[in-house]
């Protein structure tokens, strides 16, 4: 009975946590790895594993996930509207802001 209760809690938490987790297509070993943007945070992305599960990953050092190239990239190279900027991000208003 205790195991059933724990299973129910884990299932509930997975539904709450994974509200915006993308669904991976069936795994195909003849295709390159699939990466999907996290619409809630531009600095994160999902990669689809062999079990068709979307695994959350992070871009390093202030980079954002660029879904057009399927790589972590500079924020100014990511199309607007693809994702939500991470907390605390200030959109640069000039080239000077990007350099400084």
PDB file of N, CA and C in Angstrom:
ATOM      1  N   UNK A   1       0.818  -1.195   0.000  1.00  0.00           N
ATOM      2  CA  UNK A   1       0.000   0.000   0.000  1.00  0.00           C
ATOM      3  C   UNK A   1       0.869   1.269   0.000  1.00  0.00           C
ATOM      4  N   UNK A   2       1.972   1.206   0.779  1.00  0.00           N
ATOM      5  CA  UNK A   2       2.882   2.354   0.841  1.00  0.00           C
ATOM      6  C   UNK A   2       3.490   2.626  -0.534  1.00  0.00           C
ATOM      7  N   UNK A   3       3.836   1.559  -1.263  1.00  0.00           N
ATOM      8  CA  UNK A   3       4.408   1.709  -2.598  1.00  0.00           C
ATOM      9  C   UNK A   3       3.439   2.355  -3.566  1.00  0.00           C
ATOM     10  N   UNK A   4       2.158   2.024  -3.449  1.00  0.00           N
ATOM     11  CA  UNK A   4       1.127   2.612  -4.302  1.00  0.00           C
ATOM     12  C   UNK A   4       0.978   4.107  -4.027  1.00  0.00           C
ATOM     13  N   UNK A   5       1.068   4.480  -2.751  1.00  0.00           N
ATOM     14  CA  UNK A   5       0.973   5.886  -2.373  1.00  0.00           C
ATOM     15  C   UNK A   5       2.142   6.679  -2.955  1.00  0.00           C
ATOM     16  N   UNK A   6       3.343   6.121  -2.842  1.00  0.00           N
ATOM     17  CA  UNK A   6       4.532   6.789  -3.384  1.00  0.00           C
ATOM     18  C   UNK A   6       4.433   6.912  -4.899  1.00  0.00           C
ATOM     19  N   UNK A   7       3.947   5.885  -5.558  1.00  0.00           N
ATOM     20  CA  UNK A   7       3.759   5.919  -7.002  1.00  0.00           C
ATOM     21  C   UNK A   7       2.772   7.011  -7.410  1.00  0.00           C
ATOM     22  N   UNK A   8       1.701   7.164  -6.646  1.00  0.00           N
ATOM     23  CA  UNK A   8       0.705   8.195  -6.932  1.00  0.00           C
ATOM     24  C   UNK A   8       1.298   9.588  -6.764  1.00  0.00           C
ATOM     25  N   UNK A   9       2.107   9.783  -5.728  1.00  0.00           N
ATOM     26  CA  UNK A   9       2.758  11.086  -5.504  1.00  0.00           C
ATOM     27  C   UNK A   9       3.727  11.398  -6.646  1.00  0.00           C
ATOM     28  N   UNK A  10       4.521  10.429  -7.052  1.00  0.00           N
ATOM     29  CA  UNK A  10       5.469  10.633  -8.157  1.00  0.00           C
ATOM     30  C   UNK A  10       4.719  10.972  -9.435  1.00  0.00           C
ATOM     31  N   UNK A  11       3.630  10.292  -9.717  1.00  0.00           N
ATOM     32  CA  UNK A  11       2.830  10.564 -10.916  1.00  0.00           C
ATOM     33  C   UNK A  11       2.262  11.976 -10.870  1.00  0.00           C
ATOM     34  N   UNK A  12       1.765  12.389  -9.715  1.00  0.00           N
ATOM     35  CA  UNK A  12       1.205  13.737  -9.571  1.00  0.00           C
ATOM     36  C   UNK A  12       2.276  14.792  -9.785  1.00  0.00           C
ATOM     37  N   UNK A  13       3.451  14.595  -9.179  1.00  0.00           N
ATOM     38  CA  UNK A  13       4.537  15.554  -9.348  1.00  0.00           C
ATOM     39  C   UNK A  13       5.008  15.623 -10.790  1.00  0.00           C
ATOM     40  N   UNK A  14       5.046  14.513 -11.473  1.00  0.00           N
ATOM     41  CA  UNK A  14       5.495  14.534 -12.871  1.00  0.00           C
ATOM     42  C   UNK A  14       4.521  15.300 -13.743  1.00  0.00           C
ATOM     43  N   UNK A  15       3.237  15.250 -13.433  1.00  0.00           N
ATOM     44  CA  UNK A  15       2.243  16.019 -14.186  1.00  0.00           C
ATOM     45  C   UNK A  15       2.409  17.499 -13.910  1.00  0.00           C
ATOM     46  N   UNK A  16       2.645  17.853 -12.643  1.00  0.00           N
ATOM     47  CA  UNK A  16       2.806  19.263 -12.273  1.00  0.00           C
ATOM     48  C   UNK A  16       4.078  19.830 -12.884  1.00  0.00           C
ATOM     49  N   UNK A  17       5.202  19.115 -12.740  1.00  0.00           N
ATOM     50  CA  UNK A  17       6.495  19.604 -13.218  1.00  0.00           C
ATOM     51  C   UNK A  17       6.572  19.621 -14.734  1.00  0.00           C
ATOM     52  N   UNK A  18       5.928  18.682 -15.397  1.00  0.00           N
ATOM     53  CA  UNK A  18       6.099  18.540 -16.837  1.00  0.00           C
ATOM     54  C   UNK A  18       4.965  19.164 -17.650  1.00  0.00           C
ATOM     55  N   UNK A  19       4.365  20.221 -17.153  1.00  0.00           N
ATOM     56  CA  UNK A  19       3.258  20.846 -17.868  1.00  0.00           C
ATOM     57  C   UNK A  19       3.662  21.305 -19.267  1.00  0.00           C
ATOM     58  N   UNK A  20       4.879  21.819 -19.438  1.00  0.00           N
ATOM     59  CA  UNK A  20       5.324  22.318 -20.733  1.00  0.00           C
ATOM     60  C   UNK A  20       6.424  21.461 -21.360  1.00  0.00           C
ATOM     61  N   UNK A  21       6.619  20.259 -20.871  1.00  0.00           N
ATOM     62  CA  UNK A  21       7.643  19.381 -21.433  1.00  0.00           C
ATOM     63  C   UNK A  21       7.170  18.883 -22.797  1.00  0.00           C
ATOM     64  N   UNK A  22       8.000  19.068 -23.827  1.00  0.00           N
ATOM     65  CA  UNK A  22       7.586  18.621 -25.156  1.00  0.00           C
ATOM     66  C   UNK A  22       7.541  17.097 -25.259  1.00  0.00           C
ATOM     67  N   UNK A  23       6.763  16.615 -26.204  1.00  0.00           N
ATOM     68  CA  UNK A  23       6.679  15.173 -26.449  1.00  0.00           C
ATOM     69  C   UNK A  23       7.674  14.821 -27.548  1.00  0.00           C
ATOM     70  N   UNK A  24       8.489  13.837 -27.276  1.00  0.00           N
ATOM     71  CA  UNK A  24       9.472  13.390 -28.256  1.00  0.00           C
ATOM     72  C   UNK A  24       8.832  12.418 -29.241  1.00  0.00           C
ATOM     73  N   UNK A  25       9.232  12.500 -30.505  1.00  0.00           N
ATOM     74  CA  UNK A  25       8.764  11.508 -31.479  1.00  0.00           C
ATOM     75  C   UNK A  25       9.457  10.172 -31.213  1.00  0.00           C
ATOM     76  N   UNK A  26       8.980   9.095 -31.809  1.00  0.00           N
ATOM     77  CA  UNK A  26       9.648   7.805 -31.631  1.00  0.00           C
ATOM     78  C   UNK A  26      11.123   7.888 -32.047  1.00  0.00           C
ATOM     79  N   UNK A  27      11.975   7.259 -31.263  1.00  0.00           N
ATOM     80  CA  UNK A  27      13.416   7.277 -31.523  1.00  0.00           C
ATOM     81  C   UNK A  27      13.734   6.592 -32.847  1.00  0.00           C
ATOM     82  N   UNK A  28      14.623   7.215 -33.625  1.00  0.00           N
ATOM     83  CA  UNK A  28      15.069   6.648 -34.890  1.00  0.00           C
ATOM     84  C   UNK A  28      16.594   6.761 -34.922  1.00  0.00           C
ATOM     85  N   UNK A  29      17.311   5.633 -34.776  1.00  0.00           N
ATOM     86  CA  UNK A  29      18.774   5.691 -34.711  1.00  0.00           C
ATOM     87  C   UNK A  29      19.433   6.207 -35.986  1.00  0.00           C
ATOM     88  N   UNK A  30      18.716   6.229 -37.097  1.00  0.00           N
ATOM     89  CA  UNK A  30      19.311   6.709 -38.342  1.00  0.00           C
ATOM     90  C   UNK A  30      19.220   8.229 -38.478  1.00  0.00           C
ATOM     91  N   UNK A  31      18.537   8.904 -37.544  1.00  0.00           N
ATOM     92  CA  UNK A  31      18.420  10.367 -37.572  1.00  0.00           C
ATOM     93  C   UNK A  31      19.306  10.982 -36.498  1.00  0.00           C
ATOM     94  N   UNK A  32      19.733  12.251 -36.690  1.00  0.00           N
ATOM     95  CA  UNK A  32      20.530  12.910 -35.642  1.00  0.00           C
ATOM     96  C   UNK A  32      19.696  13.124 -34.378  1.00  0.00           C
ATOM     97  N   UNK A  33      20.381  13.345 -33.269  1.00  0.00           N
ATOM     98  CA  UNK A  33      19.702  13.592 -31.994  1.00  0.00           C
ATOM     99  C   UNK A  33      18.753  14.778 -32.124  1.00  0.00           C
ATOM    100  N   UNK A  34      17.613  14.686 -31.473  1.00  0.00           N
ATOM    101  CA  UNK A  34      16.613  15.748 -31.536  1.00  0.00           C
ATOM    102  C   UNK A  34      16.696  16.618 -30.288  1.00  0.00           C
ATOM    103  N   UNK A  35      16.754  17.941 -30.492  1.00  0.00           N
ATOM    104  CA  UNK A  35      16.770  18.916 -29.405  1.00  0.00           C
ATOM    105  C   UNK A  35      15.576  19.845 -29.580  1.00  0.00           C
ATOM    106  N   UNK A  36      14.882  20.136 -28.471  1.00  0.00           N
ATOM    107  CA  UNK A  36      13.678  20.966 -28.507  1.00  0.00           C
ATOM    108  C   UNK A  36      13.814  22.110 -27.514  1.00  0.00           C
ATOM    109  N   UNK A  37      13.298  23.310 -27.847  1.00  0.00           N
ATOM    110  CA  UNK A  37      13.422  24.443 -26.927  1.00  0.00           C
ATOM    111  C   UNK A  37      12.527  24.284 -25.705  1.00  0.00           C
ATOM    112  N   UNK A  38      12.953  24.884 -24.607  1.00  0.00           N
ATOM    113  CA  UNK A  38      12.119  25.011 -23.418  1.00  0.00           C
ATOM    114  C   UNK A  38      11.426  26.366 -23.541  1.00  0.00           C
ATOM    115  N   UNK A  39      10.125  26.375 -23.783  1.00  0.00           N
ATOM    116  CA  UNK A  39       9.432  27.644 -24.026  1.00  0.00           C
ATOM    117  C   UNK A  39       9.382  28.532 -22.787  1.00  0.00           C
ATOM    118  N   UNK A  40       9.689  27.967 -21.611  1.00  0.00           N
ATOM    119  CA  UNK A  40       9.656  28.745 -20.375  1.00  0.00           C
ATOM    120  C   UNK A  40      10.983  29.414 -20.032  1.00  0.00           C
ATOM    121  N   UNK A  41      12.078  29.006 -20.672  1.00  0.00           N
ATOM    122  CA  UNK A  41      13.391  29.568 -20.350  1.00  0.00           C
ATOM    123  C   UNK A  41      14.328  29.336 -21.538  1.00  0.00           C
ATOM    124  N   UNK A  42      14.769  30.423 -22.161  1.00  0.00           N
ATOM    125  CA  UNK A  42      15.623  30.338 -23.356  1.00  0.00           C
ATOM    126  C   UNK A  42      16.971  29.672 -23.091  1.00  0.00           C
ATOM    127  N   UNK A  43      17.423  29.658 -21.844  1.00  0.00           N
ATOM    128  CA  UNK A  43      18.730  29.085 -21.553  1.00  0.00           C
ATOM    129  C   UNK A  43      18.664  27.569 -21.364  1.00  0.00           C
ATOM    130  N   UNK A  44      17.473  26.990 -21.511  1.00  0.00           N
ATOM    131  CA  UNK A  44      17.318  25.544 -21.349  1.00  0.00           C
ATOM    132  C   UNK A  44      16.745  24.932 -22.622  1.00  0.00           C
ATOM    133  N   UNK A  45      16.966  23.627 -22.771  1.00  0.00           N
ATOM    134  CA  UNK A  45      16.419  22.890 -23.909  1.00  0.00           C
ATOM    135  C   UNK A  45      16.234  21.441 -23.495  1.00  0.00           C
ATOM    136  N   UNK A  46      15.545  20.679 -24.310  1.00  0.00           N
ATOM    137  CA  UNK A  46      15.340  19.256 -24.066  1.00  0.00           C
ATOM    138  C   UNK A  46      16.023  18.459 -25.167  1.00  0.00           C
ATOM    139  N   UNK A  47      16.600  17.358 -24.805  1.00  0.00           N
ATOM    140  CA  UNK A  47      17.073  16.415 -25.819  1.00  0.00           C
ATOM    141  C   UNK A  47      16.285  15.123 -25.635  1.00  0.00           C
ATOM    142  N   UNK A  48      15.929  14.519 -26.738  1.00  0.00           N
ATOM    143  CA  UNK A  48      15.122  13.302 -26.717  1.00  0.00           C
ATOM    144  C   UNK A  48      16.049  12.095 -26.648  1.00  0.00           C
ATOM    145  N   UNK A  49      15.804  11.216 -25.683  1.00  0.00           N
ATOM    146  CA  UNK A  49      16.644  10.036 -25.550  1.00  0.00           C
ATOM    147  C   UNK A  49      16.041   8.833 -26.279  1.00  0.00           C
ATOM    148  N   UNK A  50      16.717   7.712 -26.188  1.00  0.00           N
ATOM    149  CA  UNK A  50      16.295   6.507 -26.908  1.00  0.00           C
ATOM    150  C   UNK A  50      14.952   5.964 -26.437  1.00  0.00           C
ATOM    151  N   UNK A  51      14.520   6.365 -25.228  1.00  0.00           N
ATOM    152  CA  UNK A  51      13.230   5.916 -24.688  1.00  0.00           C
ATOM    153  C   UNK A  51      12.118   6.917 -25.005  1.00  0.00           C
ATOM    154  N   UNK A  52      12.384   7.877 -25.907  1.00  0.00           N
ATOM    155  CA  UNK A  52      11.417   8.905 -26.314  1.00  0.00           C
ATOM    156  C   UNK A  52      11.035   9.822 -25.149  1.00  0.00           C
ATOM    157  N   UNK A  53      11.977  10.042 -24.231  1.00  0.00           N
ATOM    158  CA  UNK A  53      11.756  10.918 -23.082  1.00  0.00           C
ATOM    159  C   UNK A  53      12.528  12.207 -23.301  1.00  0.00           C
ATOM    160  N   UNK A  54      11.861  13.346 -23.055  1.00  0.00           N
ATOM    161  CA  UNK A  54      12.506  14.653 -23.173  1.00  0.00           C
ATOM    162  C   UNK A  54      13.275  14.933 -21.885  1.00  0.00           C
ATOM    163  N   UNK A  55      14.594  15.058 -22.001  1.00  0.00           N
ATOM    164  CA  UNK A  55      15.469  15.282 -20.849  1.00  0.00           C
ATOM    165  C   UNK A  55      15.921  16.741 -20.865  1.00  0.00           C
ATOM    166  N   UNK A  56      15.676  17.444 -19.756  1.00  0.00           N
ATOM    167  CA  UNK A  56      16.017  18.862 -19.659  1.00  0.00           C
ATOM    168  C   UNK A  56      17.523  19.043 -19.547  1.00  0.00           C
ATOM    169  N   UNK A  57      18.048  20.043 -20.275  1.00  0.00           N
ATOM    170  CA  UNK A  57      19.470  20.358 -20.249  1.00  0.00           C
ATOM    171  C   UNK A  57      19.616  21.879 -20.250  1.00  0.00           C
ATOM    172  N   UNK A  58      20.795  22.378 -19.920  1.00  0.00           N
ATOM    173  CA  UNK A  58      21.052  23.818 -19.839  1.00  0.00           C
ATOM    174  C   UNK A  58      22.156  24.228 -20.803  1.00  0.00           C
ATOM    175  N   UNK A  59      22.007  25.432 -21.359  1.00  0.00           N
ATOM    176  CA  UNK A  59      23.085  26.023 -22.148  1.00  0.00           C
ATOM    177  C   UNK A  59      24.083  26.655 -21.181  1.00  0.00           C
ATOM    178  N   UNK A  60      25.370  26.626 -21.511  1.00  0.00           N
ATOM    179  CA  UNK A  60      26.379  27.211 -20.621  1.00  0.00           C
ATOM    180  C   UNK A  60      26.465  28.733 -20.753  1.00  0.00           C
ATOM    181  N   UNK A  61      26.964  29.353 -19.708  1.00  0.00           N
ATOM    182  CA  UNK A  61      27.426  30.729 -19.699  1.00  0.00           C
ATOM    183  C   UNK A  61      26.633  31.795 -20.432  1.00  0.00           C
ATOM    184  N   UNK A  62      25.355  31.940 -20.164  1.00  0.00           N
ATOM    185  CA  UNK A  62      24.572  33.014 -20.758  1.00  0.00           C
ATOM    186  C   UNK A  62      24.097  32.759 -22.173  1.00  0.00           C
ATOM    187  N   UNK A  63      24.347  31.578 -22.707  1.00  0.00           N
ATOM    188  CA  UNK A  63      23.876  31.246 -24.054  1.00  0.00           C
ATOM    189  C   UNK A  63      22.423  30.797 -24.003  1.00  0.00           C
ATOM    190  N   UNK A  64      21.737  30.920 -25.129  1.00  0.00           N
ATOM    191  CA  UNK A  64      20.351  30.484 -25.272  1.00  0.00           C
ATOM    192  C   UNK A  64      20.293  29.371 -26.304  1.00  0.00           C
ATOM    193  N   UNK A  65      19.267  28.548 -26.204  1.00  0.00           N
ATOM    194  CA  UNK A  65      19.091  27.492 -27.189  1.00  0.00           C
ATOM    195  C   UNK A  65      18.503  28.079 -28.465  1.00  0.00           C
ATOM    196  N   UNK A  66      19.150  27.800 -29.591  1.00  0.00           N
ATOM    197  CA  UNK A  66      18.692  28.268 -30.895  1.00  0.00           C
ATOM    198  C   UNK A  66      18.086  27.063 -31.630  1.00  0.00           C
ATOM    199  N   UNK A  67      16.741  26.989 -31.704  1.00  0.00           N
ATOM    200  CA  UNK A  67      16.113  25.826 -32.330  1.00  0.00           C
ATOM    201  C   UNK A  67      16.360  25.731 -33.840  1.00  0.00           C
ATOM    202  N   UNK A  68      16.673  26.850 -34.479  1.00  0.00           N
ATOM    203  CA  UNK A  68      16.961  26.798 -35.914  1.00  0.00           C
ATOM    204  C   UNK A  68      18.252  26.036 -36.203  1.00  0.00           C
ATOM    205  N   UNK A  69      19.223  26.149 -35.303  1.00  0.00           N
ATOM    206  CA  UNK A  69      20.512  25.491 -35.480  1.00  0.00           C
ATOM    207  C   UNK A  69      20.675  24.273 -34.569  1.00  0.00           C
ATOM    208  N   UNK A  70      19.774  24.136 -33.595  1.00  0.00           N
ATOM    209  CA  UNK A  70      19.807  23.052 -32.609  1.00  0.00           C
ATOM    210  C   UNK A  70      21.095  23.079 -31.787  1.00  0.00           C
ATOM    211  N   UNK A  71      21.518  24.309 -31.417  1.00  0.00           N
ATOM    212  CA  UNK A  71      22.721  24.498 -30.598  1.00  0.00           C
ATOM    213  C   UNK A  71      22.481  25.643 -29.614  1.00  0.00           C
ATOM    214  N   UNK A  72      23.343  25.730 -28.607  1.00  0.00           N
ATOM    215  CA  UNK A  72      23.342  26.893 -27.725  1.00  0.00           C
ATOM    216  C   UNK A  72      24.064  28.022 -28.456  1.00  0.00           C
ATOM    217  N   UNK A  73      23.491  29.213 -28.381  1.00  0.00           N
ATOM    218  CA  UNK A  73      23.942  30.323 -29.224  1.00  0.00           C
ATOM    219  C   UNK A  73      23.852  31.623 -28.427  1.00  0.00           C
ATOM    220  N   UNK A  74      24.391  32.697 -28.980  1.00  0.00           N
ATOM    221  CA  UNK A  74      24.270  34.018 -28.353  1.00  0.00           C
ATOM    222  C   UNK A  74      22.807  34.459 -28.403  1.00  0.00           C
ATOM    223  N   UNK A  75      22.316  35.110 -27.348  1.00  0.00           N
ATOM    224  CA  UNK A  75      20.901  35.514 -27.293  1.00  0.00           C
ATOM    225  C   UNK A  75      20.433  36.317 -28.499  1.00  0.00           C
ATOM    226  N   UNK A  76      21.275  37.168 -29.041  1.00  0.00           N
ATOM    227  CA  UNK A  76      20.855  38.003 -30.177  1.00  0.00           C
ATOM    228  C   UNK A  76      20.649  37.189 -31.451  1.00  0.00           C
ATOM    229  N   UNK A  77      21.120  35.938 -31.488  1.00  0.00           N
ATOM    230  CA  UNK A  77      20.935  35.088 -32.662  1.00  0.00           C
ATOM    231  C   UNK A  77      19.679  34.228 -32.598  1.00  0.00           C
ATOM    232  N   UNK A  78      18.966  34.271 -31.458  1.00  0.00           N
ATOM    233  CA  UNK A  78      17.752  33.473 -31.282  1.00  0.00           C
ATOM    234  C   UNK A  78      16.549  34.336 -31.648  1.00  0.00           C
ATOM    235  N   UNK A  79      15.684  33.802 -32.516  1.00  0.00           N
ATOM    236  CA  UNK A  79      14.509  34.557 -32.959  1.00  0.00           C
ATOM    237  C   UNK A  79      13.611  34.914 -31.773  1.00  0.00           C
ATOM    238  N   UNK A  80      13.104  36.153 -31.738  1.00  0.00           N
ATOM    239  CA  UNK A  80      12.171  36.535 -30.675  1.00  0.00           C
ATOM    240  C   UNK A  80      10.911  35.672 -30.704  1.00  0.00           C
ATOM    241  N   UNK A  81      10.362  35.409 -29.530  1.00  0.00           N
ATOM    242  CA  UNK A  81       9.111  34.674 -29.433  1.00  0.00           C
ATOM    243  C   UNK A  81       9.262  33.167 -29.368  1.00  0.00           C
ATOM    244  N   UNK A  82      10.474  32.654 -29.504  1.00  0.00           N
ATOM    245  CA  UNK A  82      10.693  31.208 -29.454  1.00  0.00           C
ATOM    246  C   UNK A  82      10.592  30.705 -28.018  1.00  0.00           C
ATOM    247  N   UNK A  83      11.030  31.538 -27.069  1.00  0.00           N
ATOM    248  CA  UNK A  83      11.062  31.138 -25.664  1.00  0.00           C
ATOM    249  C   UNK A  83      11.001  32.385 -24.788  1.00  0.00           C
ATOM    250  N   UNK A  84      10.968  32.164 -23.483  1.00  0.00           N
ATOM    251  CA  UNK A  84      10.951  33.247 -22.507  1.00  0.00           C
ATOM    252  C   UNK A  84      12.375  33.466 -22.009  1.00  0.00           C
ATOM    253  N   UNK A  85      12.863  34.724 -22.009  1.00  0.00           N
ATOM    254  CA  UNK A  85      14.208  34.964 -21.483  1.00  0.00           C
ATOM    255  C   UNK A  85      14.321  34.485 -20.036  1.00  0.00           C
ATOM    256  N   UNK A  86      15.510  34.012 -19.631  1.00  0.00           N
ATOM    257  CA  UNK A  86      15.682  33.545 -18.260  1.00  0.00           C
ATOM    258  C   UNK A  86      15.509  34.684 -17.263  1.00  0.00           C
ATOM    259  N   UNK A  87      15.192  34.370 -16.003  1.00  0.00           N
ATOM    260  CA  UNK A  87      15.003  35.413 -14.996  1.00  0.00           C
ATOM    261  C   UNK A  87      16.225  36.311 -14.892  1.00  0.00           C
ATOM    262  N   UNK A  88      15.986  37.618 -14.805  1.00  0.00           N
ATOM    263  CA  UNK A  88      17.068  38.576 -14.654  1.00  0.00           C
ATOM    264  C   UNK A  88      17.695  39.026 -15.957  1.00  0.00           C
ATOM    265  N   UNK A  89      17.282  38.479 -17.096  1.00  0.00           N
ATOM    266  CA  UNK A  89      17.877  38.881 -18.369  1.00  0.00           C
ATOM    267  C   UNK A  89      17.377  40.261 -18.762  1.00  0.00           C
ATOM    268  N   UNK A  90      18.293  41.126 -19.154  1.00  0.00           N
ATOM    269  CA  UNK A  90      17.953  42.456 -19.637  1.00  0.00           C
ATOM    270  C   UNK A  90      18.266  42.489 -21.128  1.00  0.00           C
ATOM    271  N   UNK A  91      17.251  42.790 -21.951  1.00  0.00           N
ATOM    272  CA  UNK A  91      17.446  42.840 -23.392  1.00  0.00           C
ATOM    273  C   UNK A  91      18.365  44.000 -23.738  1.00  0.00           C
ATOM    274  N   UNK A  92      19.472  43.746 -24.454  1.00  0.00           N
ATOM    275  CA  UNK A  92      20.361  44.844 -24.834  1.00  0.00           C
ATOM    276  C   UNK A  92      19.656  45.802 -25.785  1.00  0.00           C
ATOM    277  N   UNK A  93      19.922  47.084 -25.605  1.00  0.00           N
ATOM    278  CA  UNK A  93      19.285  48.094 -26.465  1.00  0.00           C
ATOM    279  C   UNK A  93      20.247  48.628 -27.518  1.00  0.00           C
ATOM    280  N   UNK A  94      21.526  48.288 -27.411  1.00  0.00           N
ATOM    281  CA  UNK A  94      22.500  48.736 -28.404  1.00  0.00           C
ATOM    282  C   UNK A  94      23.669  47.757 -28.431  1.00  0.00           C
ATOM    283  N   UNK A  95      24.544  47.917 -29.429  1.00  0.00           N
ATOM    284  CA  UNK A  95      25.743  47.080 -29.517  1.00  0.00           C
ATOM    285  C   UNK A  95      26.620  47.285 -28.308  1.00  0.00           C
ATOM    286  N   UNK A  96      26.611  48.501 -27.759  1.00  0.00           N
ATOM    287  CA  UNK A  96      27.411  48.791 -26.562  1.00  0.00           C
ATOM    288  C   UNK A  96      26.969  47.910 -25.410  1.00  0.00           C
ATOM    289  N   UNK A  97      25.653  47.713 -25.237  1.00  0.00           N
ATOM    290  CA  UNK A  97      25.144  46.876 -24.148  1.00  0.00           C
ATOM    291  C   UNK A  97      25.597  45.433 -24.297  1.00  0.00           C
ATOM    292  N   UNK A  98      25.750  44.957 -25.527  1.00  0.00           N
ATOM    293  CA  UNK A  98      26.170  43.573 -25.747  1.00  0.00           C
ATOM    294  C   UNK A  98      27.636  43.407 -25.394  1.00  0.00           C
ATOM    295  N   UNK A  99      28.466  44.403 -25.695  1.00  0.00           N
ATOM    296  CA  UNK A  99      29.895  44.328 -25.461  1.00  0.00           C
ATOM    297  C   UNK A  99      30.214  44.472 -23.969  1.00  0.00           C
ATOM    298  N   UNK A 100      29.511  45.346 -23.299  1.00  0.00           N
ATOM    299  CA  UNK A 100      29.809  45.644 -21.874  1.00  0.00           C
ATOM    300  C   UNK A 100      29.212  44.662 -20.946  1.00  0.00           C
TER     301      UNK A 100
END
